[in-house]
Amino acid sequence: MPDAADDLSTIALARESARIRVRRTDQRRVVVRTETREESLTLTADLEAARVEVTRVPVGRDVEAVPEIRVEGDVTILPVMEERLVVTRQLVLKEEIHVRRVTERRRAEVPVTQRHEVAVVERIDAPTGQILSQETSTEGNEP
């Protein structure tokens, strides 16, 4: 019968090892620069102006008291009085001044130049100096 010691087998153990080495190479560069761009725009605005038209309206009517200033539609009427001496004192409405407010609208256009910056990213091959790619940002630069 074989011996029990002969049945034991030997297992050889192996171990692997790894090393990481970092080697720096200057093969490519990235350049970021900003450019200011101009865009010509025409801004439009509605403008409003007011003016008055004055019309003198002769009346020549005798009145007992001074009439009040009154408004009829868009016309303000201002009485102009004259005192005439007769045997008795008498008020005569000589004329009325009609003041009308006229509103005019017109569109005004003003040319302006609006500037905004964009970022330009260039990837450059370091040994040759050749531009490999170029990207221009447009996000957030809407006029």
Protein backbone atom coordinates (compact mmCIF):
# COMPACT_ATOMS: atom_id res chain seq x y z
CA MET A 1 0.00 0.00 0.00
CA PRO A 2 1.37 3.41 -0.87
CA ASP A 3 2.38 5.73 1.82
CA ALA A 4 0.02 8.66 2.72
CA ALA A 5 2.84 11.12 2.36
CA ASP A 6 3.21 10.21 -1.29
CA ASP A 7 -0.42 11.31 -2.02
CA LEU A 8 0.25 14.92 -1.16
CA SER A 9 0.73 16.98 -4.29
CA THR A 10 2.63 20.21 -4.40
CA ILE A 11 0.92 23.28 -5.92
CA ALA A 12 3.18 26.03 -7.08
CA LEU A 13 1.76 29.56 -6.51
CA ALA A 14 2.23 32.34 -9.02
CA ARG A 15 1.80 36.06 -8.48
CA GLU A 16 1.43 38.75 -11.09
CA SER A 17 2.37 42.35 -10.51
CA ALA A 18 1.51 45.47 -12.44
CA ARG A 19 3.10 48.89 -12.64
CA ILE A 20 1.71 52.08 -14.07
CA ARG A 21 4.07 54.61 -15.53
CA VAL A 22 2.94 58.01 -16.72
CA ARG A 23 4.88 59.64 -19.47
CA ARG A 24 4.04 63.20 -20.35
CA THR A 25 4.01 64.11 -24.00
CA ASP A 26 3.27 67.44 -25.53
CA GLN A 27 1.63 66.27 -28.69
CA ARG A 28 -1.40 68.54 -28.63
CA ARG A 29 -2.42 71.90 -27.16
CA VAL A 30 -5.77 73.55 -26.66
CA VAL A 31 -6.12 77.30 -27.09
CA VAL A 32 -9.24 79.11 -25.90
CA ARG A 33 -9.78 82.70 -26.94
CA THR A 34 -12.71 85.06 -27.13
CA GLU A 35 -13.76 87.12 -30.08
CA THR A 36 -16.10 90.10 -30.08
CA ARG A 37 -18.56 90.01 -32.91
CA GLU A 38 -20.82 92.82 -34.05
CA GLU A 39 -24.28 92.53 -35.47
CA SER A 40 -26.16 95.40 -37.05
CA LEU A 41 -29.78 95.65 -35.94
CA THR A 42 -32.58 98.11 -36.50
CA LEU A 43 -34.64 98.76 -33.40
CA THR A 44 -38.22 99.88 -33.92
CA ALA A 45 -40.36 101.81 -31.46
CA ASP A 46 -43.80 103.39 -31.70
CA LEU A 47 -43.60 107.04 -30.72
CA GLU A 48 -46.50 109.28 -29.78
CA ALA A 49 -46.58 113.08 -29.91
CA ALA A 50 -49.38 115.44 -28.97
CA ARG A 51 -50.10 118.88 -30.35
CA VAL A 52 -53.01 121.25 -29.99
CA GLU A 53 -55.03 123.03 -32.60
CA VAL A 54 -56.51 126.38 -31.59
CA THR A 55 -59.59 127.68 -33.39
CA ARG A 56 -61.18 131.02 -32.60
CA VAL A 57 -64.97 130.96 -32.96
CA PRO A 58 -66.68 134.41 -32.96
CA VAL A 59 -69.91 134.43 -30.89
CA GLY A 60 -71.00 138.07 -30.13
CA ARG A 61 -73.91 137.10 -27.80
CA ASP A 62 -75.05 138.91 -24.66
CA VAL A 63 -74.86 136.77 -21.50
CA GLU A 64 -75.92 137.27 -17.90
CA ALA A 65 -72.85 135.58 -16.31
CA VAL A 66 -69.43 134.37 -17.35
CA PRO A 67 -69.82 130.88 -18.90
CA GLU A 68 -67.77 128.03 -17.39
CA ILE A 69 -64.91 126.41 -19.24
CA ARG A 70 -66.39 123.25 -20.74
CA VAL A 71 -65.29 120.13 -22.58
CA GLU A 72 -67.22 118.74 -25.54
CA GLY A 73 -65.72 115.47 -26.77
CA ASP A 74 -62.03 116.13 -27.34
CA VAL A 75 -62.48 119.95 -27.50
CA THR A 76 -61.99 122.24 -24.50
CA ILE A 77 -63.92 125.52 -24.88
CA LEU A 78 -62.60 128.65 -23.11
CA PRO A 79 -64.95 131.69 -23.10
CA VAL A 80 -63.39 135.09 -23.84
CA MET A 81 -65.36 137.94 -22.29
CA GLU A 82 -65.57 141.62 -23.08
CA GLU A 83 -67.24 144.22 -20.98
CA ARG A 84 -69.03 146.98 -22.88
CA LEU A 85 -70.31 150.12 -21.31
CA VAL A 86 -73.81 150.99 -22.26
CA VAL A 87 -76.29 152.85 -20.15
CA THR A 88 -76.29 149.61 -18.25
CA ARG A 89 -73.45 147.19 -17.91
CA GLN A 90 -73.89 144.13 -20.10
CA LEU A 91 -71.78 140.99 -20.58
CA VAL A 92 -71.21 139.95 -24.19
CA LEU A 93 -69.68 136.60 -25.11
CA LYS A 94 -67.24 137.86 -27.69
CA GLU A 95 -65.69 134.57 -28.81
CA GLU A 96 -64.79 131.07 -27.73
CA ILE A 97 -61.42 129.48 -28.09
CA HIS A 98 -61.66 125.81 -28.99
CA VAL A 99 -58.57 123.78 -28.09
CA ARG A 100 -58.40 120.30 -29.61
CA ARG A 101 -55.76 117.76 -28.60
CA VAL A 102 -54.52 115.80 -31.61
CA THR A 103 -52.42 112.66 -31.06
CA GLU A 104 -50.12 111.52 -33.82
CA ARG A 105 -48.36 108.17 -33.95
CA ARG A 106 -45.34 107.33 -36.01
CA ARG A 107 -42.86 104.49 -36.13
CA ALA A 108 -39.22 105.32 -35.50
CA GLU A 109 -36.35 103.06 -36.55
CA VAL A 110 -32.88 103.47 -35.09
CA PRO A 111 -29.90 101.49 -36.42
CA VAL A 112 -27.68 100.13 -33.64
CA THR A 113 -24.69 97.79 -33.40
CA GLN A 114 -24.91 95.02 -30.84
CA ARG A 115 -21.70 93.27 -29.72
CA HIS A 116 -21.36 89.84 -28.17
CA GLU A 117 -18.45 87.52 -27.41
CA VAL A 118 -17.98 83.95 -28.54
CA ALA A 119 -15.40 81.46 -27.26
CA VAL A 120 -13.21 79.83 -29.92
CA VAL A 121 -11.52 76.56 -28.88
CA GLU A 122 -8.68 75.40 -31.13
CA ARG A 123 -6.95 72.02 -30.82
CA ILE A 124 -3.38 72.32 -32.14
CA ASP A 125 -0.82 69.65 -32.99
CA ALA A 126 2.20 70.80 -30.97
CA PRO A 127 5.02 69.54 -33.24
CA THR A 128 3.57 70.97 -36.47
CA GLY A 129 1.51 73.89 -35.14
CA GLN A 130 -1.36 72.79 -37.37
CA ILE A 131 -4.92 73.45 -36.14
CA LEU A 132 -6.59 70.05 -35.85
CA SER A 133 -10.09 71.29 -34.96
CA GLN A 134 -11.85 74.53 -34.13
CA GLU A 135 -15.13 74.96 -32.21
CA THR A 136 -17.03 78.20 -31.69
CA SER A 137 -19.53 78.49 -28.86
CA THR A 138 -22.87 80.02 -29.69
CA GLU A 139 -24.86 79.15 -26.55
CA GLY A 140 -26.01 82.14 -24.54
CA ASN A 141 -25.01 84.67 -27.19
CA GLU A 142 -28.41 85.22 -28.77
CA PRO A 143 -29.08 88.93 -29.45
